[in-house]
PDB file of all heavy atoms in Angstrom:
ATOM      1  N   VAL A   1      -1.122  -4.006  -4.145  1.00  0.00           N
ATOM      2  CA  VAL A   1      -2.022  -3.209  -3.313  1.00  0.00           C
ATOM      3  C   VAL A   1      -3.072  -4.089  -2.649  1.00  0.00           C
ATOM      4  O   VAL A   1      -3.329  -3.991  -1.438  1.00  0.00           O
ATOM      5  CB  VAL A   1      -2.700  -2.101  -4.144  1.00  0.00           C
ATOM      6  CG1 VAL A   1      -3.786  -1.410  -3.337  1.00  0.00           C
ATOM      7  CG2 VAL A   1      -1.669  -1.078  -4.608  1.00  0.00           C
ATOM      8  N   GLN A   2      -3.689  -4.992  -3.422  1.00  0.00           N
ATOM      9  CA  GLN A   2      -4.822  -5.748  -2.892  1.00  0.00           C
ATOM     10  C   GLN A   2      -4.434  -6.790  -1.851  1.00  0.00           C
ATOM     11  O   GLN A   2      -5.295  -7.315  -1.150  1.00  0.00           O
ATOM     12  CB  GLN A   2      -5.635  -6.396  -4.015  1.00  0.00           C
ATOM     13  CG  GLN A   2      -4.889  -7.329  -4.941  1.00  0.00           C
ATOM     14  CD  GLN A   2      -4.436  -6.642  -6.206  1.00  0.00           C
ATOM     15  OE1 GLN A   2      -3.744  -5.628  -6.124  1.00  0.00           O
ATOM     16  NE2 GLN A   2      -4.789  -7.178  -7.363  1.00  0.00           N
ATOM     17  N   VAL A   3      -3.132  -7.107  -1.753  1.00  0.00           N
ATOM     18  CA  VAL A   3      -2.717  -8.108  -0.759  1.00  0.00           C
ATOM     19  C   VAL A   3      -1.865  -7.496   0.359  1.00  0.00           C
ATOM     20  O   VAL A   3      -1.401  -8.212   1.240  1.00  0.00           O
ATOM     21  CB  VAL A   3      -1.935  -9.263  -1.424  1.00  0.00           C
ATOM     22  CG1 VAL A   3      -2.817  -9.991  -2.419  1.00  0.00           C
ATOM     23  CG2 VAL A   3      -0.654  -8.769  -2.085  1.00  0.00           C
ATOM     24  N   CYS A   4      -1.678  -6.199   0.347  1.00  0.00           N
ATOM     25  CA  CYS A   4      -0.780  -5.549   1.313  1.00  0.00           C
ATOM     26  C   CYS A   4      -1.303  -5.691   2.744  1.00  0.00           C
ATOM     27  O   CYS A   4      -0.611  -6.220   3.621  1.00  0.00           O
ATOM     28  CB  CYS A   4      -0.605  -4.075   0.949  1.00  0.00           C
ATOM     29  SG  CYS A   4       0.389  -3.132   2.125  1.00  0.00           S
ATOM     30  N   ALA A   5      -2.513  -5.225   2.993  1.00  0.00           N
ATOM     31  CA  ALA A   5      -3.051  -5.250   4.356  1.00  0.00           C
ATOM     32  C   ALA A   5      -3.208  -6.680   4.856  1.00  0.00           C
ATOM     33  O   ALA A   5      -2.880  -6.985   6.014  1.00  0.00           O
ATOM     34  CB  ALA A   5      -4.387  -4.524   4.401  1.00  0.00           C
ATOM     35  N   SER A   6      -3.694  -7.571   3.997  1.00  0.00           N
ATOM     36  CA  SER A   6      -3.895  -8.957   4.431  1.00  0.00           C
ATOM     37  C   SER A   6      -2.564  -9.634   4.759  1.00  0.00           C
ATOM     38  O   SER A   6      -2.479 -10.416   5.707  1.00  0.00           O
ATOM     39  CB  SER A   6      -4.652  -9.750   3.361  1.00  0.00           C
ATOM     40  OG  SER A   6      -3.931  -9.787   2.139  1.00  0.00           O
ATOM     41  N   THR A   7      -1.512  -9.328   3.995  1.00  0.00           N
ATOM     42  CA  THR A   7      -0.199  -9.901   4.290  1.00  0.00           C
ATOM     43  C   THR A   7       0.303  -9.453   5.651  1.00  0.00           C
ATOM     44  O   THR A   7       0.819 -10.257   6.447  1.00  0.00           O
ATOM     45  CB  THR A   7       0.820  -9.513   3.206  1.00  0.00           C
ATOM     46  OG1 THR A   7       0.379 -10.016   1.942  1.00  0.00           O
ATOM     47  CG2 THR A   7       2.194 -10.083   3.517  1.00  0.00           C
ATOM     48  N   LEU A   8       0.152  -8.168   5.941  1.00  0.00           N
ATOM     49  CA  LEU A   8       0.600  -7.651   7.235  1.00  0.00           C
ATOM     50  C   LEU A   8      -0.155  -8.324   8.376  1.00  0.00           C
ATOM     51  O   LEU A   8       0.450  -8.735   9.385  1.00  0.00           O
ATOM     52  CB  LEU A   8       0.407  -6.135   7.283  1.00  0.00           C
ATOM     53  CG  LEU A   8       0.757  -5.452   8.612  1.00  0.00           C
ATOM     54  CD1 LEU A   8       2.206  -5.723   9.014  1.00  0.00           C
ATOM     55  CD2 LEU A   8       0.493  -3.949   8.524  1.00  0.00           C
ATOM     56  N   LEU A   9      -1.461  -8.474   8.253  1.00  0.00           N
ATOM     57  CA  LEU A   9      -2.255  -9.101   9.312  1.00  0.00           C
ATOM     58  C   LEU A   9      -1.876 -10.568   9.488  1.00  0.00           C
ATOM     59  O   LEU A   9      -1.746 -11.063  10.616  1.00  0.00           O
ATOM     60  CB  LEU A   9      -3.741  -8.956   9.002  1.00  0.00           C
ATOM     61  CG  LEU A   9      -4.286  -7.518   9.058  1.00  0.00           C
ATOM     62  CD1 LEU A   9      -5.672  -7.447   8.469  1.00  0.00           C
ATOM     63  CD2 LEU A   9      -4.284  -7.012  10.493  1.00  0.00           C
ATOM     64  N   LYS A  10      -1.667 -11.258   8.379  1.00  0.00           N
ATOM     65  CA  LYS A  10      -1.273 -12.673   8.461  1.00  0.00           C
ATOM     66  C   LYS A  10       0.099 -12.832   9.102  1.00  0.00           C
ATOM     67  O   LYS A  10       0.380 -13.846   9.752  1.00  0.00           O
ATOM     68  CB  LYS A  10      -1.291 -13.290   7.067  1.00  0.00           C
ATOM     69  CG  LYS A  10      -2.685 -13.480   6.489  1.00  0.00           C
ATOM     70  CD  LYS A  10      -2.629 -13.976   5.053  1.00  0.00           C
ATOM     71  CE  LYS A  10      -4.018 -14.103   4.453  1.00  0.00           C
ATOM     72  NZ  LYS A  10      -3.970 -14.500   3.014  1.00  0.00           N
ATOM     73  N   ASN A  11       0.976 -11.838   8.914  1.00  0.00           N
ATOM     74  CA  ASN A  11       2.296 -11.892   9.554  1.00  0.00           C
ATOM     75  C   ASN A  11       2.190 -12.112  11.064  1.00  0.00           C
ATOM     76  O   ASN A  11       3.060 -12.748  11.678  1.00  0.00           O
ATOM     77  CB  ASN A  11       3.058 -10.589   9.302  1.00  0.00           C
ATOM     78  CG  ASN A  11       3.730 -10.544   7.939  1.00  0.00           C
ATOM     79  OD1 ASN A  11       3.878 -11.566   7.283  1.00  0.00           O
ATOM     80  ND2 ASN A  11       4.141  -9.360   7.522  1.00  0.00           N
ATOM     81  N   PHE A  12       1.128 -11.571  11.658  1.00  0.00           N
ATOM     82  CA  PHE A  12       0.972 -11.637  13.115  1.00  0.00           C
ATOM     83  C   PHE A  12      -0.235 -12.469  13.532  1.00  0.00           C
ATOM     84  O   PHE A  12      -0.681 -12.401  14.684  1.00  0.00           O
ATOM     85  CB  PHE A  12       0.876 -10.220  13.686  1.00  0.00           C
ATOM     86  CG  PHE A  12       2.102  -9.398  13.416  1.00  0.00           C
ATOM     87  CD1 PHE A  12       2.056  -8.312  12.560  1.00  0.00           C
ATOM     88  CD2 PHE A  12       3.325  -9.731  13.988  1.00  0.00           C
ATOM     89  CE1 PHE A  12       3.185  -7.560  12.291  1.00  0.00           C
ATOM     90  CE2 PHE A  12       4.461  -8.984  13.733  1.00  0.00           C
ATOM     91  CZ  PHE A  12       4.400  -7.903  12.879  1.00  0.00           C
ATOM     92  N   GLY A  13      -0.758 -13.265  12.586  1.00  0.00           N
ATOM     93  CA  GLY A  13      -1.850 -14.170  12.914  1.00  0.00           C
ATOM     94  C   GLY A  13      -3.149 -13.488  13.265  1.00  0.00           C
ATOM     95  O   GLY A  13      -3.962 -14.024  14.037  1.00  0.00           O
ATOM     96  N   LEU A  14      -3.399 -12.313  12.711  1.00  0.00           N
ATOM     97  CA  LEU A  14      -4.612 -11.551  13.016  1.00  0.00           C
ATOM     98  C   LEU A  14      -5.685 -11.802  11.958  1.00  0.00           C
ATOM     99  O   LEU A  14      -5.381 -12.014  10.785  1.00  0.00           O
ATOM    100  CB  LEU A  14      -4.290 -10.059  13.084  1.00  0.00           C
ATOM    101  CG  LEU A  14      -3.283  -9.645  14.166  1.00  0.00           C
ATOM    102  CD1 LEU A  14      -2.975  -8.159  14.061  1.00  0.00           C
ATOM    103  CD2 LEU A  14      -3.826  -9.972  15.554  1.00  0.00           C
ATOM    104  N   PRO A  15      -6.958 -11.768  12.338  1.00  0.00           N
ATOM    105  CA  PRO A  15      -8.043 -12.025  11.379  1.00  0.00           C
ATOM    106  C   PRO A  15      -8.197 -10.883  10.377  1.00  0.00           C
ATOM    107  O   PRO A  15      -7.793  -9.742  10.635  1.00  0.00           O
ATOM    108  CB  PRO A  15      -9.276 -12.154  12.273  1.00  0.00           C
ATOM    109  CG  PRO A  15      -8.942 -11.374  13.504  1.00  0.00           C
ATOM    110  CD  PRO A  15      -7.461 -11.541  13.714  1.00  0.00           C
ATOM    111  N   LEU A  16      -8.825 -11.205   9.234  1.00  0.00           N
ATOM    112  CA  LEU A  16      -8.999 -10.228   8.159  1.00  0.00           C
ATOM    113  C   LEU A  16     -10.383  -9.582   8.164  1.00  0.00           C
ATOM    114  O   LEU A  16     -10.606  -8.616   7.427  1.00  0.00           O
ATOM    115  CB  LEU A  16      -8.766 -10.907   6.800  1.00  0.00           C
ATOM    116  CG  LEU A  16      -7.450 -11.677   6.622  1.00  0.00           C
ATOM    117  CD1 LEU A  16      -7.356 -12.238   5.202  1.00  0.00           C
ATOM    118  CD2 LEU A  16      -6.246 -10.793   6.919  1.00  0.00           C
ATOM    119  N   GLU A  17     -11.293 -10.077   8.960  1.00  0.00           N
ATOM    120  CA  GLU A  17     -12.666  -9.586   8.935  1.00  0.00           C
ATOM    121  C   GLU A  17     -12.745  -8.118   9.359  1.00  0.00           C
ATOM    122  O   GLU A  17     -12.074  -7.694  10.295  1.00  0.00           O
ATOM    123  CB  GLU A  17     -13.550 -10.426   9.873  1.00  0.00           C
ATOM    124  CG  GLU A  17     -13.811 -11.843   9.387  1.00  0.00           C
ATOM    125  CD  GLU A  17     -12.614 -12.755   9.581  1.00  0.00           C
ATOM    126  OE1 GLU A  17     -11.755 -12.419  10.441  1.00  0.00           O
ATOM    127  OE2 GLU A  17     -12.522 -13.779   8.882  1.00  0.00           O
ATOM    128  N   GLY A  18     -13.605  -7.360   8.654  1.00  0.00           N
ATOM    129  CA  GLY A  18     -13.896  -5.983   9.026  1.00  0.00           C
ATOM    130  C   GLY A  18     -12.813  -4.981   8.720  1.00  0.00           C
ATOM    131  O   GLY A  18     -12.833  -3.856   9.215  1.00  0.00           O
ATOM    132  N   ILE A  19     -11.845  -5.380   7.856  1.00  0.00           N
ATOM    133  CA  ILE A  19     -10.685  -4.516   7.595  1.00  0.00           C
ATOM    134  C   ILE A  19     -10.969  -3.526   6.472  1.00  0.00           C
ATOM    135  O   ILE A  19     -11.527  -3.870   5.431  1.00  0.00           O
ATOM    136  CB  ILE A  19      -9.455  -5.372   7.238  1.00  0.00           C
ATOM    137  CG1 ILE A  19      -8.964  -6.122   8.466  1.00  0.00           C
ATOM    138  CG2 ILE A  19      -8.334  -4.523   6.652  1.00  0.00           C
ATOM    139  CD1 ILE A  19      -8.496  -5.235   9.601  1.00  0.00           C
ATOM    140  N   THR A  20     -10.586  -2.276   6.679  1.00  0.00           N
ATOM    141  CA  THR A  20     -10.518  -1.258   5.627  1.00  0.00           C
ATOM    142  C   THR A  20      -9.135  -0.616   5.698  1.00  0.00           C
ATOM    143  O   THR A  20      -8.494  -0.606   6.754  1.00  0.00           O
ATOM    144  CB  THR A  20     -11.592  -0.176   5.794  1.00  0.00           C
ATOM    145  OG1 THR A  20     -11.451   0.438   7.090  1.00  0.00           O
ATOM    146  CG2 THR A  20     -12.991  -0.771   5.659  1.00  0.00           C
ATOM    147  N   TYR A  21      -8.697  -0.071   4.553  1.00  0.00           N
ATOM    148  CA  TYR A  21      -7.349   0.492   4.527  1.00  0.00           C
ATOM    149  C   TYR A  21      -7.264   1.601   3.485  1.00  0.00           C
ATOM    150  O   TYR A  21      -8.113   1.725   2.603  1.00  0.00           O
ATOM    151  CB  TYR A  21      -6.310  -0.587   4.227  1.00  0.00           C
ATOM    152  CG  TYR A  21      -6.532  -1.357   2.935  1.00  0.00           C
ATOM    153  CD1 TYR A  21      -6.094  -0.851   1.715  1.00  0.00           C
ATOM    154  CD2 TYR A  21      -7.179  -2.587   2.946  1.00  0.00           C
ATOM    155  CE1 TYR A  21      -6.297  -1.551   0.532  1.00  0.00           C
ATOM    156  CE2 TYR A  21      -7.393  -3.302   1.765  1.00  0.00           C
ATOM    157  CZ  TYR A  21      -6.947  -2.781   0.572  1.00  0.00           C
ATOM    158  OH  TYR A  21      -7.151  -3.473  -0.599  1.00  0.00           O
ATOM    159  N   LYS A  22      -6.210   2.391   3.604  1.00  0.00           N
ATOM    160  CA  LYS A  22      -5.889   3.436   2.626  1.00  0.00           C
ATOM    161  C   LYS A  22      -4.434   3.273   2.236  1.00  0.00           C
ATOM    162  O   LYS A  22      -3.569   3.135   3.101  1.00  0.00           O
ATOM    163  CB  LYS A  22      -6.124   4.827   3.223  1.00  0.00           C
ATOM    164  CG  LYS A  22      -5.722   5.970   2.290  1.00  0.00           C
ATOM    165  CD  LYS A  22      -5.895   7.325   2.960  1.00  0.00           C
ATOM    166  CE  LYS A  22      -5.400   8.455   2.059  1.00  0.00           C
ATOM    167  NZ  LYS A  22      -5.526   9.788   2.701  1.00  0.00           N
ATOM    168  N   ILE A  23      -4.182   3.261   0.918  1.00  0.00           N
ATOM    169  CA  ILE A  23      -2.828   3.103   0.394  1.00  0.00           C
ATOM    170  C   ILE A  23      -2.555   4.189  -0.637  1.00  0.00           C
ATOM    171  O   ILE A  23      -3.418   4.496  -1.468  1.00  0.00           O
ATOM    172  CB  ILE A  23      -2.646   1.711  -0.245  1.00  0.00           C
ATOM    173  CG1 ILE A  23      -2.625   0.626   0.835  1.00  0.00           C
ATOM    174  CG2 ILE A  23      -1.365   1.651  -1.085  1.00  0.00           C
ATOM    175  CD1 ILE A  23      -2.574  -0.788   0.301  1.00  0.00           C
ATOM    176  N   ALA A  24      -1.380   4.776  -0.595  1.00  0.00           N
ATOM    177  CA  ALA A  24      -0.952   5.727  -1.625  1.00  0.00           C
ATOM    178  C   ALA A  24       0.570   5.800  -1.610  1.00  0.00           C
ATOM    179  O   ALA A  24       1.219   5.529  -0.597  1.00  0.00           O
ATOM    180  CB  ALA A  24      -1.549   7.116  -1.381  1.00  0.00           C
ATOM    181  N   GLY A  25       1.134   6.161  -2.757  1.00  0.00           N
ATOM    182  CA  GLY A  25       2.584   6.293  -2.901  1.00  0.00           C
ATOM    183  C   GLY A  25       2.957   6.063  -4.348  1.00  0.00           C
ATOM    184  O   GLY A  25       2.348   6.647  -5.252  1.00  0.00           O
ATOM    185  N   ILE A  26       3.953   5.207  -4.582  1.00  0.00           N
ATOM    186  CA  ILE A  26       4.342   4.839  -5.937  1.00  0.00           C
ATOM    187  C   ILE A  26       4.326   3.317  -6.040  1.00  0.00           C
ATOM    188  O   ILE A  26       4.324   2.617  -5.025  1.00  0.00           O
ATOM    189  CB  ILE A  26       5.736   5.385  -6.318  1.00  0.00           C
ATOM    190  CG1 ILE A  26       6.813   4.865  -5.357  1.00  0.00           C
ATOM    191  CG2 ILE A  26       5.722   6.920  -6.344  1.00  0.00           C
ATOM    192  CD1 ILE A  26       8.233   5.251  -5.741  1.00  0.00           C
ATOM    193  N   ASN A  27       4.321   2.807  -7.254  1.00  0.00           N
ATOM    194  CA  ASN A  27       4.274   1.363  -7.438  1.00  0.00           C
ATOM    195  C   ASN A  27       5.446   0.676  -6.741  1.00  0.00           C
ATOM    196  O   ASN A  27       6.589   1.107  -6.853  1.00  0.00           O
ATOM    197  CB  ASN A  27       4.277   1.035  -8.924  1.00  0.00           C
ATOM    198  CG  ASN A  27       4.254  -0.460  -9.160  1.00  0.00           C
ATOM    199  OD1 ASN A  27       5.185  -1.019  -9.727  1.00  0.00           O
ATOM    200  ND2 ASN A  27       3.210  -1.116  -8.706  1.00  0.00           N
ATOM    201  N   HIS A  28       5.146  -0.391  -6.042  1.00  0.00           N
ATOM    202  CA  HIS A  28       6.102  -1.187  -5.282  1.00  0.00           C
ATOM    203  C   HIS A  28       6.616  -0.454  -4.044  1.00  0.00           C
ATOM    204  O   HIS A  28       7.345  -1.041  -3.248  1.00  0.00           O
ATOM    205  CB  HIS A  28       7.282  -1.659  -6.136  1.00  0.00           C
ATOM    206  CG  HIS A  28       6.937  -2.773  -7.067  1.00  0.00           C
ATOM    207  ND1 HIS A  28       7.887  -3.435  -7.816  1.00  0.00           N
ATOM    208  CD2 HIS A  28       5.748  -3.348  -7.380  1.00  0.00           C
ATOM    209  CE1 HIS A  28       7.301  -4.365  -8.553  1.00  0.00           C
ATOM    210  NE2 HIS A  28       5.998  -4.326  -8.309  1.00  0.00           N
ATOM    211  N   MET A  29       6.266   0.824  -3.892  1.00  0.00           N
ATOM    212  CA  MET A  29       6.562   1.544  -2.663  1.00  0.00           C
ATOM    213  C   MET A  29       5.374   2.441  -2.328  1.00  0.00           C
ATOM    214  O   MET A  29       5.492   3.636  -2.100  1.00  0.00           O
ATOM    215  CB  MET A  29       7.856   2.368  -2.773  1.00  0.00           C
ATOM    216  CG  MET A  29       8.438   2.764  -1.416  1.00  0.00           C
ATOM    217  SD  MET A  29       9.778   3.963  -1.542  1.00  0.00           S
ATOM    218  CE  MET A  29      11.183   2.858  -1.642  1.00  0.00           C
ATOM    219  N   GLY A  30       4.182   1.790  -2.343  1.00  0.00           N
ATOM    220  CA  GLY A  30       2.991   2.449  -1.828  1.00  0.00           C
ATOM    221  C   GLY A  30       2.925   2.200  -0.331  1.00  0.00           C
ATOM    222  O   GLY A  30       3.388   1.176   0.171  1.00  0.00           O
ATOM    223  N   TRP A  31       2.326   3.134   0.387  1.00  0.00           N
ATOM    224  CA  TRP A  31       2.332   3.058   1.854  1.00  0.00           C
ATOM    225  C   TRP A  31       0.946   2.728   2.373  1.00  0.00           C
ATOM    226  O   TRP A  31      -0.047   3.314   1.943  1.00  0.00           O
ATOM    227  CB  TRP A  31       2.811   4.388   2.450  1.00  0.00           C
ATOM    228  CG  TRP A  31       4.161   4.777   1.939  1.00  0.00           C
ATOM    229  CD1 TRP A  31       4.436   5.722   0.984  1.00  0.00           C
ATOM    230  CD2 TRP A  31       5.415   4.216   2.323  1.00  0.00           C
ATOM    231  NE1 TRP A  31       5.785   5.781   0.767  1.00  0.00           N
ATOM    232  CE2 TRP A  31       6.416   4.867   1.568  1.00  0.00           C
ATOM    233  CE3 TRP A  31       5.797   3.227   3.237  1.00  0.00           C
ATOM    234  CZ2 TRP A  31       7.772   4.572   1.701  1.00  0.00           C
ATOM    235  CZ3 TRP A  31       7.146   2.924   3.359  1.00  0.00           C
ATOM    236  CH2 TRP A  31       8.113   3.598   2.608  1.00  0.00           C
ATOM    237  N   LEU A  32       0.893   1.766   3.287  1.00  0.00           N
ATOM    238  CA  LEU A  32      -0.352   1.467   3.993  1.00  0.00           C
ATOM    239  C   LEU A  32      -0.542   2.562   5.038  1.00  0.00           C
ATOM    240  O   LEU A  32      -0.004   2.496   6.143  1.00  0.00           O
ATOM    241  CB  LEU A  32      -0.258   0.084   4.640  1.00  0.00           C
ATOM    242  CG  LEU A  32      -1.495  -0.428   5.378  1.00  0.00           C
ATOM    243  CD1 LEU A  32      -2.689  -0.540   4.434  1.00  0.00           C
ATOM    244  CD2 LEU A  32      -1.202  -1.775   6.027  1.00  0.00           C
ATOM    245  N   LEU A  33      -1.272   3.588   4.661  1.00  0.00           N
ATOM    246  CA  LEU A  33      -1.367   4.791   5.479  1.00  0.00           C
ATOM    247  C   LEU A  33      -2.353   4.636   6.628  1.00  0.00           C
ATOM    248  O   LEU A  33      -2.159   5.202   7.706  1.00  0.00           O
ATOM    249  CB  LEU A  33      -1.784   5.981   4.604  1.00  0.00           C
ATOM    250  CG  LEU A  33      -0.812   6.342   3.485  1.00  0.00           C
ATOM    251  CD1 LEU A  33      -1.428   7.376   2.560  1.00  0.00           C
ATOM    252  CD2 LEU A  33       0.510   6.843   4.062  1.00  0.00           C
ATOM    253  N   GLU A  34      -3.428   3.891   6.393  1.00  0.00           N
ATOM    254  CA  GLU A  34      -4.442   3.655   7.425  1.00  0.00           C
ATOM    255  C   GLU A  34      -4.826   2.188   7.415  1.00  0.00           C
ATOM    256  O   GLU A  34      -4.892   1.559   6.349  1.00  0.00           O
ATOM    257  CB  GLU A  34      -5.697   4.496   7.159  1.00  0.00           C
ATOM    258  CG  GLU A  34      -5.484   5.992   7.249  1.00  0.00           C
ATOM    259  CD  GLU A  34      -6.771   6.769   6.934  1.00  0.00           C
ATOM    260  OE1 GLU A  34      -7.811   6.111   6.667  1.00  0.00           O
ATOM    261  OE2 GLU A  34      -6.725   8.004   6.941  1.00  0.00           O
TER     262      GLU A  34
END
């Protein structure tokens, strides 16, 4: 969970500053909803 959003941003070379997110689902298949 704690590395999901940062991994996605790094995939496309985007900065991590100012990021907030919402995640829910099941373990190993939680969804980055926001």
